[in-house]
Amino acid sequence: MDDKIFLNKYRVAGSEMEAVSENTNGAIAYEAYEINSEKKVVVELIPTGPLKDAERERLESEATAAKKLQHANIATLYDFGVEDNQLVYVTEEIKGTLAEDWVNAQGPLPITTV
């Protein structure tokens, strides 16, 4: 499968396009690269078909607001757009373990620690 370009700036390898499956809300996330800088990013796609107009407008408004946020504990939203009947979110890639995975492996933290 050929590489796919999103928003004319982000490249997802063809092998990555084949390897990833969608989650429960229909969203699909791929590892990708910004074409000019080769910076690693995450491209998340959400189909617009099942969304009501008000829900789509809310998501677009929230993405506009999220692009303004800069915080160490929040993945930076680099870009957002609509392409091929999908909402396209481009975020920084965060390395690490999901809290859910950590708790499943280690058990819950004591309340005092949390």
PDB file of N, CA and C in Angstrom:
ATOM      1  N   MET A   1       0.848  -1.176   0.000  1.00  0.00           N
ATOM      2  CA  MET A   1       0.000   0.000   0.000  1.00  0.00           C
ATOM      3  C   MET A   1       0.894   1.241   0.000  1.00  0.00           C
ATOM      4  N   ASP A   2       0.496   2.259  -0.728  1.00  0.00           N
ATOM      5  CA  ASP A   2       1.255   3.503  -0.816  1.00  0.00           C
ATOM      6  C   ASP A   2       1.098   4.333   0.453  1.00  0.00           C
ATOM      7  N   ASP A   3       2.069   5.215   0.678  1.00  0.00           N
ATOM      8  CA  ASP A   3       1.972   6.167   1.780  1.00  0.00           C
ATOM      9  C   ASP A   3       0.767   7.063   1.547  1.00  0.00           C
ATOM     10  N   LYS A   4       0.212   7.593   2.625  1.00  0.00           N
ATOM     11  CA  LYS A   4      -0.937   8.494   2.550  1.00  0.00           C
ATOM     12  C   LYS A   4      -0.522   9.832   3.141  1.00  0.00           C
ATOM     13  N   ILE A   5      -0.896  10.913   2.477  1.00  0.00           N
ATOM     14  CA  ILE A   5      -0.596  12.261   2.939  1.00  0.00           C
ATOM     15  C   ILE A   5      -1.886  12.891   3.456  1.00  0.00           C
ATOM     16  N   PHE A   6      -1.817  13.467   4.656  1.00  0.00           N
ATOM     17  CA  PHE A   6      -2.965  14.148   5.249  1.00  0.00           C
ATOM     18  C   PHE A   6      -2.671  15.633   5.388  1.00  0.00           C
ATOM     19  N   LEU A   7      -3.663  16.460   5.083  1.00  0.00           N
ATOM     20  CA  LEU A   7      -3.581  17.914   5.202  1.00  0.00           C
ATOM     21  C   LEU A   7      -2.366  18.478   4.452  1.00  0.00           C
ATOM     22  N   ASN A   8      -1.937  17.767   3.408  1.00  0.00           N
ATOM     23  CA  ASN A   8      -0.811  18.173   2.570  1.00  0.00           C
ATOM     24  C   ASN A   8       0.500  18.338   3.329  1.00  0.00           C
ATOM     25  N   LYS A   9       0.590  17.801   4.561  1.00  0.00           N
ATOM     26  CA  LYS A   9       1.783  18.022   5.377  1.00  0.00           C
ATOM     27  C   LYS A   9       2.278  16.800   6.123  1.00  0.00           C
ATOM     28  N   TYR A  10       1.448  15.786   6.287  1.00  0.00           N
ATOM     29  CA  TYR A  10       1.783  14.678   7.181  1.00  0.00           C
ATOM     30  C   TYR A  10       1.697  13.354   6.439  1.00  0.00           C
ATOM     31  N   ARG A  11       2.774  12.576   6.511  1.00  0.00           N
ATOM     32  CA  ARG A  11       2.868  11.320   5.780  1.00  0.00           C
ATOM     33  C   ARG A  11       2.727  10.134   6.726  1.00  0.00           C
ATOM     34  N   VAL A  12       1.803   9.237   6.373  1.00  0.00           N
ATOM     35  CA  VAL A  12       1.636   7.973   7.082  1.00  0.00           C
ATOM     36  C   VAL A  12       2.112   6.879   6.128  1.00  0.00           C
ATOM     37  N   ALA A  13       3.028   6.051   6.614  1.00  0.00           N
ATOM     38  CA  ALA A  13       3.549   4.958   5.783  1.00  0.00           C
ATOM     39  C   ALA A  13       2.439   3.982   5.430  1.00  0.00           C
ATOM     40  N   GLY A  14       2.517   3.437   4.232  1.00  0.00           N
ATOM     41  CA  GLY A  14       1.514   2.471   3.787  1.00  0.00           C
ATOM     42  C   GLY A  14       1.397   1.288   4.721  1.00  0.00           C
ATOM     43  N   SER A  15       2.526   0.825   5.245  1.00  0.00           N
ATOM     44  CA  SER A  15       2.493  -0.308   6.172  1.00  0.00           C
ATOM     45  C   SER A  15       1.751   0.055   7.456  1.00  0.00           C
ATOM     46  N   GLU A  16       1.865   1.308   7.893  1.00  0.00           N
ATOM     47  CA  GLU A  16       1.145   1.771   9.083  1.00  0.00           C
ATOM     48  C   GLU A  16      -0.359   1.832   8.802  1.00  0.00           C
ATOM     49  N   MET A  17      -0.737   2.233   7.601  1.00  0.00           N
ATOM     50  CA  MET A  17      -2.155   2.320   7.230  1.00  0.00           C
ATOM     51  C   MET A  17      -2.819   0.950   7.311  1.00  0.00           C
ATOM     52  N   GLU A  18      -2.084  -0.098   6.967  1.00  0.00           N
ATOM     53  CA  GLU A  18      -2.633  -1.441   6.994  1.00  0.00           C
ATOM     54  C   GLU A  18      -2.660  -2.037   8.396  1.00  0.00           C
ATOM     55  N   ALA A  19      -1.757  -1.595   9.259  1.00  0.00           N
ATOM     56  CA  ALA A  19      -1.536  -2.259  10.543  1.00  0.00           C
ATOM     57  C   ALA A  19      -2.473  -1.814  11.651  1.00  0.00           C
ATOM     58  N   VAL A  20      -3.082  -0.654  11.529  1.00  0.00           N
ATOM     59  CA  VAL A  20      -3.839  -0.089  12.653  1.00  0.00           C
ATOM     60  C   VAL A  20      -5.325  -0.314  12.454  1.00  0.00           C
ATOM     61  N   SER A  21      -5.997  -0.660  13.541  1.00  0.00           N
ATOM     62  CA  SER A  21      -7.449  -0.844  13.476  1.00  0.00           C
ATOM     63  C   SER A  21      -8.127   0.267  14.256  1.00  0.00           C
ATOM     64  N   GLU A  22      -9.403   0.433  14.008  1.00  0.00           N
ATOM     65  CA  GLU A  22     -10.121   1.526  14.656  1.00  0.00           C
ATOM     66  C   GLU A  22     -10.542   1.161  16.063  1.00  0.00           C
ATOM     67  N   ASN A  23     -10.745   2.216  16.894  1.00  0.00           N
ATOM     68  CA  ASN A  23     -11.205   1.975  18.260  1.00  0.00           C
ATOM     69  C   ASN A  23     -12.731   2.025  18.310  1.00  0.00           C
ATOM     70  N   THR A  24     -13.293   2.017  19.483  1.00  0.00           N
ATOM     71  CA  THR A  24     -14.742   1.873  19.638  1.00  0.00           C
ATOM     72  C   THR A  24     -15.549   3.039  19.074  1.00  0.00           C
ATOM     73  N   ASN A  25     -14.990   4.265  19.036  1.00  0.00           N
ATOM     74  CA  ASN A  25     -15.769   5.384  18.492  1.00  0.00           C
ATOM     75  C   ASN A  25     -15.495   5.596  17.008  1.00  0.00           C
ATOM     76  N   GLY A  26     -14.784   4.662  16.381  1.00  0.00           N
ATOM     77  CA  GLY A  26     -14.495   4.762  14.961  1.00  0.00           C
ATOM     78  C   GLY A  26     -13.238   5.544  14.644  1.00  0.00           C
ATOM     79  N   ALA A  27     -12.595   6.104  15.654  1.00  0.00           N
ATOM     80  CA  ALA A  27     -11.365   6.865  15.431  1.00  0.00           C
ATOM     81  C   ALA A  27     -10.212   5.909  15.147  1.00  0.00           C
ATOM     82  N   ILE A  28      -9.306   6.353  14.302  1.00  0.00           N
ATOM     83  CA  ILE A  28      -8.119   5.588  13.965  1.00  0.00           C
ATOM     84  C   ILE A  28      -6.917   6.501  14.169  1.00  0.00           C
ATOM     85  N   ALA A  29      -5.877   6.004  14.826  1.00  0.00           N
ATOM     86  CA  ALA A  29      -4.667   6.800  15.044  1.00  0.00           C
ATOM     87  C   ALA A  29      -3.489   6.118  14.367  1.00  0.00           C
ATOM     88  N   TYR A  30      -2.659   6.930  13.726  1.00  0.00           N
ATOM     89  CA  TYR A  30      -1.482   6.430  13.021  1.00  0.00           C
ATOM     90  C   TYR A  30      -0.240   7.198  13.446  1.00  0.00           C
ATOM     91  N   GLU A  31       0.903   6.518  13.488  1.00  0.00           N
ATOM     92  CA  GLU A  31       2.176   7.203  13.593  1.00  0.00           C
ATOM     93  C   GLU A  31       2.435   7.831  12.231  1.00  0.00           C
ATOM     94  N   ALA A  32       2.921   9.069  12.233  1.00  0.00           N
ATOM     95  CA  ALA A  32       3.153   9.776  10.971  1.00  0.00           C
ATOM     96  C   ALA A  32       4.349  10.705  11.125  1.00  0.00           C
ATOM     97  N   TYR A  33       4.716  11.347  10.018  1.00  0.00           N
ATOM     98  CA  TYR A  33       5.818  12.299  10.011  1.00  0.00           C
ATOM     99  C   TYR A  33       5.386  13.562   9.293  1.00  0.00           C
ATOM    100  N   GLU A  34       5.792  14.703   9.843  1.00  0.00           N
ATOM    101  CA  GLU A  34       5.589  15.977   9.161  1.00  0.00           C
ATOM    102  C   GLU A  34       6.568  15.974   7.997  1.00  0.00           C
ATOM    103  N   ILE A  35       6.089  16.225   6.792  1.00  0.00           N
ATOM    104  CA  ILE A  35       6.886  16.028   5.589  1.00  0.00           C
ATOM    105  C   ILE A  35       8.156  16.892   5.570  1.00  0.00           C
ATOM    106  N   ASN A  36       8.048  18.166   5.877  1.00  0.00           N
ATOM    107  CA  ASN A  36       9.202  19.052   5.758  1.00  0.00           C
ATOM    108  C   ASN A  36      10.267  18.809   6.820  1.00  0.00           C
ATOM    109  N   SER A  37       9.850  18.570   8.052  1.00  0.00           N
ATOM    110  CA  SER A  37      10.819  18.444   9.150  1.00  0.00           C
ATOM    111  C   SER A  37      11.128  17.001   9.536  1.00  0.00           C
ATOM    112  N   GLU A  38      10.296  16.062   9.077  1.00  0.00           N
ATOM    113  CA  GLU A  38      10.378  14.649   9.477  1.00  0.00           C
ATOM    114  C   GLU A  38      10.117  14.450  10.972  1.00  0.00           C
ATOM    115  N   LYS A  39       9.472  15.443  11.601  1.00  0.00           N
ATOM    116  CA  LYS A  39       9.091  15.312  13.012  1.00  0.00           C
ATOM    117  C   LYS A  39       8.011  14.242  13.122  1.00  0.00           C
ATOM    118  N   LYS A  40       8.177  13.349  14.110  1.00  0.00           N
ATOM    119  CA  LYS A  40       7.197  12.285  14.327  1.00  0.00           C
ATOM    120  C   LYS A  40       5.968  12.867  15.004  1.00  0.00           C
ATOM    121  N   VAL A  41       4.790  12.521  14.495  1.00  0.00           N
ATOM    122  CA  VAL A  41       3.511  13.001  15.026  1.00  0.00           C
ATOM    123  C   VAL A  41       2.522  11.840  15.047  1.00  0.00           C
ATOM    124  N   VAL A  42       1.348  12.109  15.571  1.00  0.00           N
ATOM    125  CA  VAL A  42       0.244  11.155  15.526  1.00  0.00           C
ATOM    126  C   VAL A  42      -0.888  11.799  14.729  1.00  0.00           C
ATOM    127  N   VAL A  43      -1.392  11.075  13.744  1.00  0.00           N
ATOM    128  CA  VAL A  43      -2.549  11.525  12.964  1.00  0.00           C
ATOM    129  C   VAL A  43      -3.736  10.681  13.402  1.00  0.00           C
ATOM    130  N   GLU A  44      -4.765  11.349  13.913  1.00  0.00           N
ATOM    131  CA  GLU A  44      -5.984  10.648  14.332  1.00  0.00           C
ATOM    132  C   GLU A  44      -7.118  11.070  13.417  1.00  0.00           C
ATOM    133  N   LEU A  45      -7.853  10.089  12.930  1.00  0.00           N
ATOM    134  CA  LEU A  45      -8.966  10.321  12.010  1.00  0.00           C
ATOM    135  C   LEU A  45     -10.273   9.920  12.672  1.00  0.00           C
ATOM    136  N   ILE A  46     -11.265  10.796  12.564  1.00  0.00           N
ATOM    137  CA  ILE A  46     -12.600  10.505  13.082  1.00  0.00           C
ATOM    138  C   ILE A  46     -13.584  10.690  11.935  1.00  0.00           C
ATOM    139  N   PRO A  47     -14.310   9.639  11.561  1.00  0.00           N
ATOM    140  CA  PRO A  47     -15.272   9.761  10.468  1.00  0.00           C
ATOM    141  C   PRO A  47     -16.355  10.788  10.799  1.00  0.00           C
ATOM    142  N   THR A  48     -16.681  11.651   9.829  1.00  0.00           N
ATOM    143  CA  THR A  48     -17.703  12.674  10.066  1.00  0.00           C
ATOM    144  C   THR A  48     -19.106  12.166   9.767  1.00  0.00           C
ATOM    145  N   GLY A  49     -19.211  11.050   9.041  1.00  0.00           N
ATOM    146  CA  GLY A  49     -20.526  10.528   8.659  1.00  0.00           C
ATOM    147  C   GLY A  49     -21.500  10.367   9.807  1.00  0.00           C
ATOM    148  N   PRO A  50     -21.113   9.689  10.894  1.00  0.00           N
ATOM    149  CA  PRO A  50     -22.061   9.472  11.982  1.00  0.00           C
ATOM    150  C   PRO A  50     -22.265  10.694  12.895  1.00  0.00           C
ATOM    151  N   LEU A  51     -21.518  11.778  12.667  1.00  0.00           N
ATOM    152  CA  LEU A  51     -21.622  12.941  13.548  1.00  0.00           C
ATOM    153  C   LEU A  51     -22.786  13.841  13.138  1.00  0.00           C
ATOM    154  N   LYS A  52     -23.502  14.328  14.114  1.00  0.00           N
ATOM    155  CA  LYS A  52     -24.522  15.344  13.859  1.00  0.00           C
ATOM    156  C   LYS A  52     -23.810  16.675  13.663  1.00  0.00           C
ATOM    157  N   ASP A  53     -24.463  17.608  12.966  1.00  0.00           N
ATOM    158  CA  ASP A  53     -23.840  18.901  12.675  1.00  0.00           C
ATOM    159  C   ASP A  53     -23.364  19.602  13.944  1.00  0.00           C
ATOM    160  N   ALA A  54     -24.175  19.599  14.992  1.00  0.00           N
ATOM    161  CA  ALA A  54     -23.809  20.278  16.238  1.00  0.00           C
ATOM    162  C   ALA A  54     -22.579  19.630  16.871  1.00  0.00           C
ATOM    163  N   GLU A  55     -22.484  18.303  16.798  1.00  0.00           N
ATOM    164  CA  GLU A  55     -21.338  17.601  17.373  1.00  0.00           C
ATOM    165  C   GLU A  55     -20.070  17.903  16.580  1.00  0.00           C
ATOM    166  N   ARG A  56     -20.192  17.942  15.272  1.00  0.00           N
ATOM    167  CA  ARG A  56     -19.029  18.266  14.436  1.00  0.00           C
ATOM    168  C   ARG A  56     -18.559  19.692  14.699  1.00  0.00           C
ATOM    169  N   GLU A  57     -19.481  20.629  14.800  1.00  0.00           N
ATOM    170  CA  GLU A  57     -19.121  22.019  15.096  1.00  0.00           C
ATOM    171  C   GLU A  57     -18.440  22.127  16.453  1.00  0.00           C
ATOM    172  N   ARG A  58     -18.921  21.370  17.433  1.00  0.00           N
ATOM    173  CA  ARG A  58     -18.317  21.386  18.768  1.00  0.00           C
ATOM    174  C   ARG A  58     -16.890  20.857  18.712  1.00  0.00           C
ATOM    175  N   LEU A  59     -16.676  19.747  17.999  1.00  0.00           N
ATOM    176  CA  LEU A  59     -15.341  19.175  17.882  1.00  0.00           C
ATOM    177  C   LEU A  59     -14.378  20.140  17.175  1.00  0.00           C
ATOM    178  N   GLU A  60     -14.858  20.816  16.144  1.00  0.00           N
ATOM    179  CA  GLU A  60     -14.020  21.779  15.433  1.00  0.00           C
ATOM    180  C   GLU A  60     -13.681  22.966  16.335  1.00  0.00           C
ATOM    181  N   SER A  61     -14.657  23.426  17.107  1.00  0.00           N
ATOM    182  CA  SER A  61     -14.429  24.531  18.042  1.00  0.00           C
ATOM    183  C   SER A  61     -13.434  24.130  19.131  1.00  0.00           C
ATOM    184  N   GLU A  62     -13.580  22.920  19.661  1.00  0.00           N
ATOM    185  CA  GLU A  62     -12.660  22.434  20.690  1.00  0.00           C
ATOM    186  C   GLU A  62     -11.246  22.278  20.128  1.00  0.00           C
ATOM    187  N   ALA A  63     -11.120  21.852  18.883  1.00  0.00           N
ATOM    188  CA  ALA A  63      -9.801  21.721  18.265  1.00  0.00           C
ATOM    189  C   ALA A  63      -9.143  23.089  18.109  1.00  0.00           C
ATOM    190  N   THR A  64      -9.903  24.082  17.732  1.00  0.00           N
ATOM    191  CA  THR A  64      -9.371  25.439  17.614  1.00  0.00           C
ATOM    192  C   THR A  64      -8.851  25.924  18.963  1.00  0.00           C
ATOM    193  N   ALA A  65      -9.601  25.664  20.024  1.00  0.00           N
ATOM    194  CA  ALA A  65      -9.169  26.054  21.369  1.00  0.00           C
ATOM    195  C   ALA A  65      -7.957  25.234  21.809  1.00  0.00           C
ATOM    196  N   ALA A  66      -7.958  23.951  21.510  1.00  0.00           N
ATOM    197  CA  ALA A  66      -6.864  23.067  21.937  1.00  0.00           C
ATOM    198  C   ALA A  66      -5.541  23.449  21.280  1.00  0.00           C
ATOM    199  N   LYS A  67      -5.576  23.985  20.072  1.00  0.00           N
ATOM    200  CA  LYS A  67      -4.340  24.387  19.397  1.00  0.00           C
ATOM    201  C   LYS A  67      -3.629  25.505  20.154  1.00  0.00           C
ATOM    202  N   LYS A  68      -4.354  26.217  21.011  1.00  0.00           N
ATOM    203  CA  LYS A  68      -3.778  27.329  21.774  1.00  0.00           C
ATOM    204  C   LYS A  68      -3.158  26.871  23.094  1.00  0.00           C
ATOM    205  N   LEU A  69      -3.424  25.625  23.490  1.00  0.00           N
ATOM    206  CA  LEU A  69      -2.920  25.126  24.773  1.00  0.00           C
ATOM    207  C   LEU A  69      -1.475  24.665  24.663  1.00  0.00           C
ATOM    208  N   GLN A  70      -0.686  25.007  25.657  1.00  0.00           N
ATOM    209  CA  GLN A  70       0.689  24.544  25.766  1.00  0.00           C
ATOM    210  C   GLN A  70       0.911  24.141  27.211  1.00  0.00           C
ATOM    211  N   HIS A  71       1.015  22.840  27.468  1.00  0.00           N
ATOM    212  CA  HIS A  71       1.206  22.343  28.829  1.00  0.00           C
ATOM    213  C   HIS A  71       1.934  21.009  28.772  1.00  0.00           C
ATOM    214  N   ALA A  72       2.813  20.788  29.721  1.00  0.00           N
ATOM    215  CA  ALA A  72       3.611  19.555  29.743  1.00  0.00           C
ATOM    216  C   ALA A  72       2.763  18.302  29.855  1.00  0.00           C
ATOM    217  N   ASN A  73       1.584  18.396  30.428  1.00  0.00           N
ATOM    218  CA  ASN A  73       0.732  17.226  30.638  1.00  0.00           C
ATOM    219  C   ASN A  73      -0.364  17.075  29.586  1.00  0.00           C
ATOM    220  N   ILE A  74      -0.287  17.862  28.535  1.00  0.00           N
ATOM    221  CA  ILE A  74      -1.289  17.799  27.466  1.00  0.00           C
ATOM    222  C   ILE A  74      -0.550  17.638  26.141  1.00  0.00           C
ATOM    223  N   ALA A  75      -0.928  16.645  25.356  1.00  0.00           N
ATOM    224  CA  ALA A  75      -0.331  16.482  24.027  1.00  0.00           C
ATOM    225  C   ALA A  75      -0.674  17.704  23.182  1.00  0.00           C
ATOM    226  N   THR A  76       0.332  18.288  22.556  1.00  0.00           N
ATOM    227  CA  THR A  76       0.122  19.473  21.725  1.00  0.00           C
ATOM    228  C   THR A  76      -0.633  19.092  20.458  1.00  0.00           C
ATOM    229  N   LEU A  77      -1.676  19.846  20.153  1.00  0.00           N
ATOM    230  CA  LEU A  77      -2.403  19.672  18.894  1.00  0.00           C
ATOM    231  C   LEU A  77      -1.736  20.586  17.872  1.00  0.00           C
ATOM    232  N   TYR A  78      -1.003  19.997  16.939  1.00  0.00           N
ATOM    233  CA  TYR A  78      -0.271  20.770  15.944  1.00  0.00           C
ATOM    234  C   TYR A  78      -1.168  21.279  14.828  1.00  0.00           C
ATOM    235  N   ASP A  79      -2.122  20.448  14.433  1.00  0.00           N
ATOM    236  CA  ASP A  79      -2.918  20.791  13.258  1.00  0.00           C
ATOM    237  C   ASP A  79      -4.270  20.103  13.347  1.00  0.00           C
ATOM    238  N   PHE A  80      -5.227  20.645  12.616  1.00  0.00           N
ATOM    239  CA  PHE A  80      -6.575  20.085  12.578  1.00  0.00           C
ATOM    240  C   PHE A  80      -7.205  20.471  11.254  1.00  0.00           C
ATOM    241  N   GLY A  81      -8.000  19.571  10.704  1.00  0.00           N
ATOM    242  CA  GLY A  81      -8.714  19.882   9.476  1.00  0.00           C
ATOM    243  C   GLY A  81      -9.716  18.798   9.149  1.00  0.00           C
ATOM    244  N   VAL A  82     -10.395  18.977   8.039  1.00  0.00           N
ATOM    245  CA  VAL A  82     -11.362  17.994   7.555  1.00  0.00           C
ATOM    246  C   VAL A  82     -10.895  17.566   6.169  1.00  0.00           C
ATOM    247  N   GLU A  83     -10.798  16.256   5.981  1.00  0.00           N
ATOM    248  CA  GLU A  83     -10.331  15.711   4.709  1.00  0.00           C
ATOM    249  C   GLU A  83     -10.995  14.359   4.472  1.00  0.00           C
ATOM    250  N   ASP A  84     -11.488  14.139   3.268  1.00  0.00           N
ATOM    251  CA  ASP A  84     -12.104  12.862   2.900  1.00  0.00           C
ATOM    252  C   ASP A  84     -13.166  12.425   3.905  1.00  0.00           C
ATOM    253  N   ASN A  85     -14.040  13.346   4.299  1.00  0.00           N
ATOM    254  CA  ASN A  85     -15.123  13.065   5.250  1.00  0.00           C
ATOM    255  C   ASN A  85     -14.615  12.532   6.587  1.00  0.00           C
ATOM    256  N   GLN A  86     -13.467  13.062   7.009  1.00  0.00           N
ATOM    257  CA  GLN A  86     -12.896  12.695   8.299  1.00  0.00           C
ATOM    258  C   GLN A  86     -12.341  13.945   8.974  1.00  0.00           C
ATOM    259  N   LEU A  87     -12.504  14.020  10.292  1.00  0.00           N
ATOM    260  CA  LEU A  87     -11.804  15.034  11.061  1.00  0.00           C
ATOM    261  C   LEU A  87     -10.385  14.521  11.235  1.00  0.00           C
ATOM    262  N   VAL A  88      -9.402  15.367  10.997  1.00  0.00           N
ATOM    263  CA  VAL A  88      -7.999  14.980  11.077  1.00  0.00           C
ATOM    264  C   VAL A  88      -7.338  15.797  12.183  1.00  0.00           C
ATOM    265  N   TYR A  89      -6.885  15.104  13.218  1.00  0.00           N
ATOM    266  CA  TYR A  89      -6.164  15.736  14.323  1.00  0.00           C
ATOM    267  C   TYR A  89      -4.703  15.307  14.223  1.00  0.00           C
ATOM    268  N   VAL A  90      -3.786  16.258  14.323  1.00  0.00           N
ATOM    269  CA  VAL A  90      -2.355  15.948  14.301  1.00  0.00           C
ATOM    270  C   VAL A  90      -1.771  16.412  15.629  1.00  0.00           C
ATOM    271  N   THR A  91      -1.268  15.462  16.413  1.00  0.00           N
ATOM    272  CA  THR A  91      -0.758  15.770  17.747  1.00  0.00           C
ATOM    273  C   THR A  91       0.677  15.296  17.900  1.00  0.00           C
ATOM    274  N   GLU A  92       1.306  15.786  18.963  1.00  0.00           N
ATOM    275  CA  GLU A  92       2.649  15.299  19.256  1.00  0.00           C
ATOM    276  C   GLU A  92       2.554  13.858  19.728  1.00  0.00           C
ATOM    277  N   GLU A  93       3.605  13.123  19.467  1.00  0.00           N
ATOM    278  CA  GLU A  93       3.661  11.748  19.947  1.00  0.00           C
ATOM    279  C   GLU A  93       4.199  11.779  21.374  1.00  0.00           C
ATOM    280  N   ILE A  94       3.491  11.132  22.275  1.00  0.00           N
ATOM    281  CA  ILE A  94       3.915  11.077  23.672  1.00  0.00           C
ATOM    282  C   ILE A  94       4.378   9.657  23.963  1.00  0.00           C
ATOM    283  N   LYS A  95       5.588   9.554  24.440  1.00  0.00           N
ATOM    284  CA  LYS A  95       6.130   8.249  24.819  1.00  0.00           C
ATOM    285  C   LYS A  95       5.734   7.950  26.253  1.00  0.00           C
ATOM    286  N   GLY A  96       5.555   6.703  26.551  1.00  0.00           N
ATOM    287  CA  GLY A  96       5.261   6.323  27.922  1.00  0.00           C
ATOM    288  C   GLY A  96       4.187   5.261  27.988  1.00  0.00           C
ATOM    289  N   THR A  97       3.745   5.025  29.191  1.00  0.00           N
ATOM    290  CA  THR A  97       2.749   4.006  29.472  1.00  0.00           C
ATOM    291  C   THR A  97       1.416   4.669  29.793  1.00  0.00           C
ATOM    292  N   LEU A  98       0.349   4.144  29.232  1.00  0.00           N
ATOM    293  CA  LEU A  98      -0.978   4.638  29.591  1.00  0.00           C
ATOM    294  C   LEU A  98      -1.248   4.325  31.057  1.00  0.00           C
ATOM    295  N   ALA A  99      -1.924   5.239  31.738  1.00  0.00           N
ATOM    296  CA  ALA A  99      -2.239   5.029  33.150  1.00  0.00           C
ATOM    297  C   ALA A  99      -3.004   3.722  33.343  1.00  0.00           C
ATOM    298  N   GLU A 100      -3.935   3.439  32.456  1.00  0.00           N
ATOM    299  CA  GLU A 100      -4.725   2.213  32.554  1.00  0.00           C
ATOM    300  C   GLU A 100      -3.830   0.971  32.475  1.00  0.00           C
ATOM    301  N   ASP A 101      -2.861   0.993  31.550  1.00  0.00           N
ATOM    302  CA  ASP A 101      -1.948  -0.139  31.420  1.00  0.00           C
ATOM    303  C   ASP A 101      -1.084  -0.297  32.667  1.00  0.00           C
ATOM    304  N   TRP A 102      -0.619   0.824  33.221  1.00  0.00           N
ATOM    305  CA  TRP A 102       0.217   0.776  34.416  1.00  0.00           C
ATOM    306  C   TRP A 102      -0.563   0.189  35.594  1.00  0.00           C
ATOM    307  N   VAL A 103      -1.788   0.641  35.801  1.00  0.00           N
ATOM    308  CA  VAL A 103      -2.620   0.144  36.897  1.00  0.00           C
ATOM    309  C   VAL A 103      -2.916  -1.341  36.703  1.00  0.00           C
ATOM    310  N   ASN A 104      -3.178  -1.749  35.478  1.00  0.00           N
ATOM    311  CA  ASN A 104      -3.433  -3.179  35.225  1.00  0.00           C
ATOM    312  C   ASN A 104      -2.212  -4.027  35.569  1.00  0.00           C
ATOM    313  N   ALA A 105      -1.015  -3.495  35.316  1.00  0.00           N
ATOM    314  CA  ALA A 105       0.208  -4.252  35.591  1.00  0.00           C
ATOM    315  C   ALA A 105       0.644  -4.156  37.046  1.00  0.00           C
ATOM    316  N   GLN A 106       0.489  -2.984  37.663  1.00  0.00           N
ATOM    317  CA  GLN A 106       1.020  -2.734  39.002  1.00  0.00           C
ATOM    318  C   GLN A 106      -0.029  -2.755  40.111  1.00  0.00           C
ATOM    319  N   GLY A 107      -1.275  -2.598  39.731  1.00  0.00           N
ATOM    320  CA  GLY A 107      -2.337  -2.458  40.735  1.00  0.00           C
ATOM    321  C   GLY A 107      -2.570  -0.990  41.058  1.00  0.00           C
ATOM    322  N   PRO A 108      -3.704  -0.680  41.674  1.00  0.00           N
ATOM    323  CA  PRO A 108      -4.024   0.722  41.941  1.00  0.00           C
ATOM    324  C   PRO A 108      -3.080   1.347  42.970  1.00  0.00           C
ATOM    325  N   LEU A 109      -2.879   2.648  42.809  1.00  0.00           N
ATOM    326  CA  LEU A 109      -2.072   3.407  43.776  1.00  0.00           C
ATOM    327  C   LEU A 109      -2.906   3.697  45.023  1.00  0.00           C
ATOM    328  N   PRO A 110      -2.235   3.800  46.186  1.00  0.00           N
ATOM    329  CA  PRO A 110      -2.954   4.215  47.391  1.00  0.00           C
ATOM    330  C   PRO A 110      -3.490   5.643  47.216  1.00  0.00           C
ATOM    331  N   ILE A 111      -4.579   5.940  47.846  1.00  0.00           N
ATOM    332  CA  ILE A 111      -5.203   7.271  47.759  1.00  0.00           C
ATOM    333  C   ILE A 111      -4.221   8.373  48.124  1.00  0.00           C
ATOM    334  N   THR A 112      -3.413   8.165  49.150  1.00  0.00           N
ATOM    335  CA  THR A 112      -2.472   9.204  49.573  1.00  0.00           C
ATOM    336  C   THR A 112      -1.462   9.536  48.479  1.00  0.00           C
ATOM    337  N   THR A 113      -1.067   8.558  47.690  1.00  0.00           N
ATOM    338  CA  THR A 113      -0.128   8.784  46.601  1.00  0.00           C
ATOM    339  C   THR A 113      -0.797   9.519  45.453  1.00  0.00           C
ATOM    340  N   VAL A 114      -2.022   9.155  45.172  1.00  0.00           N
ATOM    341  CA  VAL A 114      -2.755   9.788  44.070  1.00  0.00           C
ATOM    342  C   VAL A 114      -2.982  11.236  44.399  1.00  0.00           C
TER     343      VAL A 114
END
